[in-house]
């Protein structure tokens, strides 16, 4: 199984649509191990309006572990068969391992819910 994490400097990027790249881990859910890792370039501009959901889905990604993202991005990822867990933070590998242990849940937070402006000048 593959999982993706929006990344900036090896940390979960709080802003899905503006991350430096996506870390994609191939994981073994039986042994709870990371088997492989690769970086996927982030598209320019807003994540929900890009082709990143299709790109990641075509790679076999089934789960996105993210900080915050808007409902539009969640919907686009879900429509591509990618489950989204929001509210993640910290080191990408540590976060992936927490998910494998079953200790992460979706916070349900969307960007608009906490007063954060999702667009940049």
N, C-alpha and C. Protein backbone atom coordinates (compact mmCIF):
# COMPACT_ATOMS: atom_id res chain seq x y z
N UNK A 1 0.84 -1.18 0.00
CA UNK A 1 0.00 0.00 0.00
C UNK A 1 0.89 1.25 0.00
N UNK A 2 0.39 2.32 -0.63
CA UNK A 2 1.15 3.56 -0.65
C UNK A 2 0.38 4.67 0.06
N UNK A 3 1.14 5.49 0.81
CA UNK A 3 0.58 6.64 1.49
C UNK A 3 1.41 7.87 1.10
N UNK A 4 0.76 9.03 1.04
CA UNK A 4 1.45 10.26 0.65
C UNK A 4 1.32 11.29 1.76
N UNK A 5 2.37 12.12 1.89
CA UNK A 5 2.40 13.16 2.90
C UNK A 5 2.94 14.45 2.27
N UNK A 6 2.19 15.57 2.33
CA UNK A 6 2.71 16.83 1.83
C UNK A 6 3.88 17.26 2.70
N UNK A 7 5.03 17.54 2.08
CA UNK A 7 6.27 17.69 2.82
C UNK A 7 6.97 19.02 2.55
N UNK A 8 7.56 19.56 3.60
CA UNK A 8 8.44 20.72 3.52
C UNK A 8 9.57 20.46 4.51
N UNK A 9 10.77 20.27 4.00
CA UNK A 9 11.91 20.03 4.88
C UNK A 9 11.78 18.81 5.77
N UNK A 10 11.28 17.71 5.24
CA UNK A 10 11.10 16.44 5.96
C UNK A 10 10.00 16.48 7.02
N UNK A 11 9.24 17.57 7.06
CA UNK A 11 8.13 17.71 8.01
C UNK A 11 6.81 17.77 7.23
N UNK A 12 5.72 17.37 7.88
CA UNK A 12 4.40 17.54 7.26
C UNK A 12 4.20 19.04 7.04
N UNK A 13 3.86 19.41 5.81
CA UNK A 13 3.57 20.81 5.52
C UNK A 13 2.13 21.08 5.93
N UNK A 14 1.92 22.10 6.76
CA UNK A 14 0.58 22.45 7.22
C UNK A 14 -0.34 22.86 6.08
N UNK A 15 0.24 23.22 4.96
CA UNK A 15 -0.56 23.75 3.86
C UNK A 15 -0.41 22.85 2.64
N UNK A 16 -1.30 21.89 2.53
CA UNK A 16 -1.28 20.88 1.47
C UNK A 16 -0.97 21.44 0.09
N UNK A 17 -1.65 22.49 -0.30
CA UNK A 17 -1.53 23.02 -1.65
C UNK A 17 -0.24 23.76 -1.95
N UNK A 18 0.59 23.95 -0.93
CA UNK A 18 1.81 24.73 -1.15
C UNK A 18 3.06 24.01 -0.64
N UNK A 19 3.00 22.69 -0.54
CA UNK A 19 4.15 21.94 -0.04
C UNK A 19 5.28 21.93 -1.08
N UNK A 20 6.49 21.61 -0.62
CA UNK A 20 7.63 21.51 -1.54
C UNK A 20 7.51 20.28 -2.43
N UNK A 21 7.08 19.18 -1.83
CA UNK A 21 6.93 17.91 -2.55
C UNK A 21 6.07 16.98 -1.71
N UNK A 22 5.71 15.85 -2.28
CA UNK A 22 4.98 14.83 -1.55
C UNK A 22 5.91 13.65 -1.30
N UNK A 23 5.96 13.20 -0.05
CA UNK A 23 6.69 11.98 0.26
C UNK A 23 5.70 10.83 0.10
N UNK A 24 6.08 9.85 -0.70
CA UNK A 24 5.22 8.68 -0.91
C UNK A 24 5.94 7.47 -0.33
N UNK A 25 5.33 6.88 0.69
CA UNK A 25 5.88 5.68 1.31
C UNK A 25 5.10 4.47 0.84
N UNK A 26 5.83 3.42 0.47
CA UNK A 26 5.21 2.12 0.25
C UNK A 26 5.32 1.41 1.59
N UNK A 27 4.18 0.97 2.11
CA UNK A 27 4.15 0.37 3.44
C UNK A 27 3.57 -1.04 3.40
N UNK A 28 4.03 -1.85 4.34
CA UNK A 28 3.47 -3.18 4.54
C UNK A 28 2.59 -3.07 5.78
N UNK A 29 1.27 -3.12 5.57
CA UNK A 29 0.35 -2.93 6.69
C UNK A 29 0.31 -4.15 7.62
N UNK A 30 0.83 -5.28 7.17
CA UNK A 30 0.88 -6.47 8.02
C UNK A 30 2.03 -6.36 9.02
N UNK A 31 3.22 -6.04 8.50
CA UNK A 31 4.40 -5.94 9.38
C UNK A 31 4.58 -4.54 9.95
N UNK A 32 3.75 -3.59 9.47
CA UNK A 32 3.80 -2.19 9.92
C UNK A 32 5.18 -1.56 9.67
N UNK A 33 5.68 -1.81 8.47
CA UNK A 33 6.99 -1.29 8.08
C UNK A 33 6.90 -0.46 6.82
N UNK A 34 7.83 0.49 6.70
CA UNK A 34 7.99 1.26 5.47
C UNK A 34 8.96 0.50 4.59
N UNK A 35 8.52 0.15 3.39
CA UNK A 35 9.33 -0.66 2.48
C UNK A 35 10.14 0.21 1.53
N UNK A 36 9.53 1.33 1.10
CA UNK A 36 10.18 2.18 0.10
C UNK A 36 9.70 3.61 0.29
N UNK A 37 10.48 4.54 -0.24
CA UNK A 37 10.14 5.96 -0.14
C UNK A 37 10.54 6.65 -1.43
N UNK A 38 9.70 7.58 -1.87
CA UNK A 38 10.06 8.39 -3.02
C UNK A 38 9.42 9.77 -2.86
N UNK A 39 10.01 10.75 -3.54
CA UNK A 39 9.48 12.11 -3.52
C UNK A 39 8.82 12.41 -4.85
N UNK A 40 7.66 13.06 -4.78
CA UNK A 40 6.93 13.45 -5.98
C UNK A 40 6.82 14.97 -5.97
N UNK A 41 7.24 15.60 -7.04
CA UNK A 41 7.19 17.06 -7.13
C UNK A 41 5.77 17.56 -6.95
N UNK A 42 5.64 18.65 -6.21
CA UNK A 42 4.34 19.29 -6.02
C UNK A 42 4.06 20.18 -7.22
N UNK A 43 2.82 20.21 -7.68
CA UNK A 43 2.48 21.10 -8.79
C UNK A 43 2.47 22.55 -8.31
N UNK A 44 2.66 23.46 -9.22
CA UNK A 44 2.59 24.88 -8.88
C UNK A 44 1.13 25.26 -8.62
N UNK A 45 0.92 26.18 -7.71
CA UNK A 45 -0.44 26.67 -7.47
C UNK A 45 -1.21 25.85 -6.46
N UNK A 46 -2.49 25.98 -6.50
CA UNK A 46 -3.39 25.35 -5.54
C UNK A 46 -3.47 23.84 -5.75
N UNK A 47 -3.29 23.08 -4.70
CA UNK A 47 -3.31 21.62 -4.79
C UNK A 47 -4.60 21.04 -5.32
N UNK A 48 -5.76 21.63 -4.90
CA UNK A 48 -7.04 21.05 -5.30
C UNK A 48 -7.35 21.28 -6.78
N UNK A 49 -6.69 22.26 -7.40
CA UNK A 49 -6.94 22.55 -8.82
C UNK A 49 -5.88 21.93 -9.73
N UNK A 50 -4.95 21.22 -9.14
CA UNK A 50 -3.89 20.59 -9.93
C UNK A 50 -4.28 19.14 -10.25
N UNK A 51 -3.36 18.44 -10.90
CA UNK A 51 -3.59 17.04 -11.22
C UNK A 51 -2.94 16.12 -10.19
N UNK A 52 -2.55 16.64 -9.02
CA UNK A 52 -1.80 15.83 -8.06
C UNK A 52 -2.61 14.63 -7.57
N UNK A 53 -3.91 14.78 -7.40
CA UNK A 53 -4.73 13.65 -6.93
C UNK A 53 -4.66 12.50 -7.94
N UNK A 54 -4.79 12.81 -9.21
CA UNK A 54 -4.72 11.79 -10.26
C UNK A 54 -3.33 11.18 -10.31
N UNK A 55 -2.30 12.02 -10.23
CA UNK A 55 -0.93 11.53 -10.26
C UNK A 55 -0.67 10.55 -9.12
N UNK A 56 -1.06 10.93 -7.91
CA UNK A 56 -0.84 10.05 -6.75
C UNK A 56 -1.68 8.78 -6.84
N UNK A 57 -2.94 8.92 -7.27
CA UNK A 57 -3.81 7.74 -7.42
C UNK A 57 -3.23 6.77 -8.44
N UNK A 58 -2.71 7.30 -9.54
CA UNK A 58 -2.11 6.46 -10.59
C UNK A 58 -0.88 5.71 -10.05
N UNK A 59 -0.23 6.29 -9.03
CA UNK A 59 0.93 5.63 -8.41
C UNK A 59 0.49 4.56 -7.40
N UNK A 60 -0.80 4.54 -7.09
CA UNK A 60 -1.29 3.56 -6.13
C UNK A 60 -1.47 4.09 -4.71
N UNK A 61 -1.41 5.42 -4.54
CA UNK A 61 -1.60 6.01 -3.21
C UNK A 61 -3.05 5.84 -2.78
N UNK A 62 -3.25 5.37 -1.54
CA UNK A 62 -4.59 5.14 -1.00
C UNK A 62 -4.91 6.06 0.17
N UNK A 63 -3.88 6.66 0.79
CA UNK A 63 -4.08 7.49 1.98
C UNK A 63 -3.19 8.73 1.89
N UNK A 64 -3.74 9.89 2.28
CA UNK A 64 -2.99 11.14 2.37
C UNK A 64 -2.99 11.55 3.84
N UNK A 65 -1.80 11.66 4.43
CA UNK A 65 -1.65 12.14 5.81
C UNK A 65 -1.22 13.58 5.73
N UNK A 66 -2.09 14.51 6.13
CA UNK A 66 -1.84 15.93 5.90
C UNK A 66 -2.06 16.76 7.15
N UNK A 67 -1.56 17.99 7.10
CA UNK A 67 -1.82 18.95 8.17
C UNK A 67 -3.23 19.47 8.01
N UNK A 68 -3.38 20.52 7.24
CA UNK A 68 -4.70 21.08 6.95
C UNK A 68 -4.89 21.16 5.45
N UNK A 69 -6.14 21.10 5.04
CA UNK A 69 -6.48 21.32 3.64
C UNK A 69 -7.95 21.67 3.56
N UNK A 70 -8.30 22.33 2.50
CA UNK A 70 -9.69 22.72 2.30
C UNK A 70 -10.56 21.56 1.87
N UNK A 71 -11.86 21.77 1.97
CA UNK A 71 -12.81 20.73 1.60
C UNK A 71 -12.70 20.36 0.12
N UNK A 72 -12.35 21.34 -0.73
CA UNK A 72 -12.20 21.06 -2.15
C UNK A 72 -11.11 20.04 -2.40
N UNK A 73 -9.98 20.20 -1.73
CA UNK A 73 -8.88 19.26 -1.89
C UNK A 73 -9.24 17.89 -1.34
N UNK A 74 -9.93 17.86 -0.20
CA UNK A 74 -10.38 16.57 0.36
C UNK A 74 -11.28 15.85 -0.64
N UNK A 75 -12.22 16.58 -1.21
CA UNK A 75 -13.16 16.00 -2.16
C UNK A 75 -12.44 15.47 -3.40
N UNK A 76 -11.50 16.26 -3.95
CA UNK A 76 -10.76 15.83 -5.14
C UNK A 76 -9.97 14.55 -4.84
N UNK A 77 -9.30 14.51 -3.68
CA UNK A 77 -8.54 13.31 -3.31
C UNK A 77 -9.46 12.12 -3.09
N UNK A 78 -10.57 12.32 -2.37
CA UNK A 78 -11.53 11.23 -2.14
C UNK A 78 -12.07 10.69 -3.46
N UNK A 79 -12.37 11.60 -4.40
CA UNK A 79 -12.89 11.18 -5.70
C UNK A 79 -11.88 10.38 -6.50
N UNK A 80 -10.60 10.53 -6.15
CA UNK A 80 -9.54 9.76 -6.80
C UNK A 80 -9.22 8.48 -6.03
N UNK A 81 -10.01 8.19 -5.00
CA UNK A 81 -9.81 6.96 -4.22
C UNK A 81 -8.79 7.09 -3.12
N UNK A 82 -8.47 8.33 -2.71
CA UNK A 82 -7.47 8.56 -1.67
C UNK A 82 -8.17 9.05 -0.40
N UNK A 83 -8.02 8.31 0.68
CA UNK A 83 -8.59 8.69 1.97
C UNK A 83 -7.68 9.75 2.59
N UNK A 84 -8.27 10.77 3.22
CA UNK A 84 -7.50 11.88 3.79
C UNK A 84 -7.61 11.87 5.31
N UNK A 85 -6.46 11.99 5.98
CA UNK A 85 -6.42 12.21 7.42
C UNK A 85 -5.75 13.55 7.65
N UNK A 86 -6.51 14.51 8.21
CA UNK A 86 -5.98 15.85 8.49
C UNK A 86 -5.55 15.94 9.95
N UNK A 87 -4.79 16.98 10.25
CA UNK A 87 -4.36 17.21 11.62
C UNK A 87 -3.02 16.57 11.95
N UNK A 88 -2.31 16.08 10.94
CA UNK A 88 -1.00 15.45 11.14
C UNK A 88 0.07 16.54 11.20
N UNK A 89 1.15 16.26 11.92
CA UNK A 89 2.26 17.21 11.99
C UNK A 89 3.52 16.46 12.37
N UNK A 90 4.67 17.13 12.15
CA UNK A 90 5.95 16.56 12.55
C UNK A 90 6.66 15.86 11.41
N UNK A 91 7.64 15.05 11.77
CA UNK A 91 8.47 14.32 10.83
C UNK A 91 7.62 13.36 9.99
N UNK A 92 7.85 13.34 8.68
CA UNK A 92 7.01 12.52 7.80
C UNK A 92 7.13 11.03 8.10
N UNK A 93 8.34 10.55 8.36
CA UNK A 93 8.51 9.11 8.63
C UNK A 93 7.85 8.74 9.96
N UNK A 94 8.03 9.57 10.98
CA UNK A 94 7.41 9.31 12.28
C UNK A 94 5.89 9.31 12.16
N UNK A 95 5.36 10.23 11.36
CA UNK A 95 3.91 10.31 11.15
C UNK A 95 3.40 9.06 10.44
N UNK A 96 4.13 8.61 9.42
CA UNK A 96 3.74 7.40 8.70
C UNK A 96 3.73 6.19 9.64
N UNK A 97 4.73 6.10 10.50
CA UNK A 97 4.80 4.98 11.44
C UNK A 97 3.65 5.04 12.46
N UNK A 98 3.28 6.24 12.89
CA UNK A 98 2.13 6.39 13.81
C UNK A 98 0.86 5.91 13.12
N UNK A 99 0.71 6.25 11.83
CA UNK A 99 -0.46 5.80 11.08
C UNK A 99 -0.48 4.28 10.99
N UNK A 100 0.68 3.69 10.72
CA UNK A 100 0.76 2.23 10.63
C UNK A 100 0.37 1.56 11.95
N UNK A 101 0.69 2.22 13.05
CA UNK A 101 0.33 1.69 14.38
C UNK A 101 -1.15 1.86 14.67
N UNK A 102 -1.84 2.67 13.85
CA UNK A 102 -3.26 2.91 14.06
C UNK A 102 -3.54 4.02 15.05
N UNK A 103 -2.56 4.88 15.31
CA UNK A 103 -2.74 5.91 16.34
C UNK A 103 -3.08 7.29 15.77
N UNK A 104 -3.43 7.38 14.48
CA UNK A 104 -3.81 8.67 13.89
C UNK A 104 -5.27 8.62 13.46
N UNK A 105 -5.97 9.74 13.68
CA UNK A 105 -7.34 9.88 13.21
C UNK A 105 -7.48 11.24 12.53
N UNK A 106 -8.43 11.33 11.62
CA UNK A 106 -8.68 12.59 10.93
C UNK A 106 -9.22 13.61 11.93
N UNK A 107 -8.59 14.79 11.96
CA UNK A 107 -9.03 15.85 12.88
C UNK A 107 -10.33 16.49 12.40
N UNK A 108 -10.63 16.34 11.10
CA UNK A 108 -11.83 16.95 10.54
C UNK A 108 -11.66 18.44 10.29
N UNK A 109 -10.48 18.99 10.60
CA UNK A 109 -10.25 20.43 10.42
C UNK A 109 -10.01 20.75 8.95
N UNK A 110 -10.74 21.72 8.48
CA UNK A 110 -10.50 22.26 7.14
C UNK A 110 -9.95 23.66 7.32
N UNK A 111 -9.25 24.13 6.32
CA UNK A 111 -8.60 25.44 6.43
C UNK A 111 -9.57 26.53 6.85
N UNK A 112 -10.77 26.56 6.27
CA UNK A 112 -11.70 27.64 6.58
C UNK A 112 -12.20 27.58 8.02
N UNK A 113 -12.11 26.43 8.67
CA UNK A 113 -12.67 26.25 10.01
C UNK A 113 -11.83 26.92 11.10
N UNK A 114 -10.58 27.23 10.80
CA UNK A 114 -9.75 27.80 11.86
C UNK A 114 -9.26 29.21 11.55
N UNK A 115 -9.93 29.87 10.63
CA UNK A 115 -9.61 31.26 10.35
C UNK A 115 -8.38 31.46 9.49
N UNK A 116 -7.82 30.42 8.97
CA UNK A 116 -6.61 30.51 8.15
C UNK A 116 -7.01 30.86 6.72
N UNK A 117 -6.30 31.77 6.12
CA UNK A 117 -6.57 32.12 4.73
C UNK A 117 -5.81 31.16 3.82
N UNK A 118 -6.54 30.44 2.98
CA UNK A 118 -5.92 29.41 2.14
C UNK A 118 -5.35 29.94 0.85
N UNK A 119 -5.45 31.21 0.62
CA UNK A 119 -4.87 31.76 -0.62
C UNK A 119 -3.73 32.70 -0.25
N UNK A 120 -2.76 32.73 -1.11
CA UNK A 120 -1.60 33.58 -0.89
C UNK A 120 -1.60 34.71 -1.90
N UNK A 121 -0.98 35.81 -1.52
CA UNK A 121 -0.90 36.96 -2.42
C UNK A 121 -0.03 36.63 -3.59
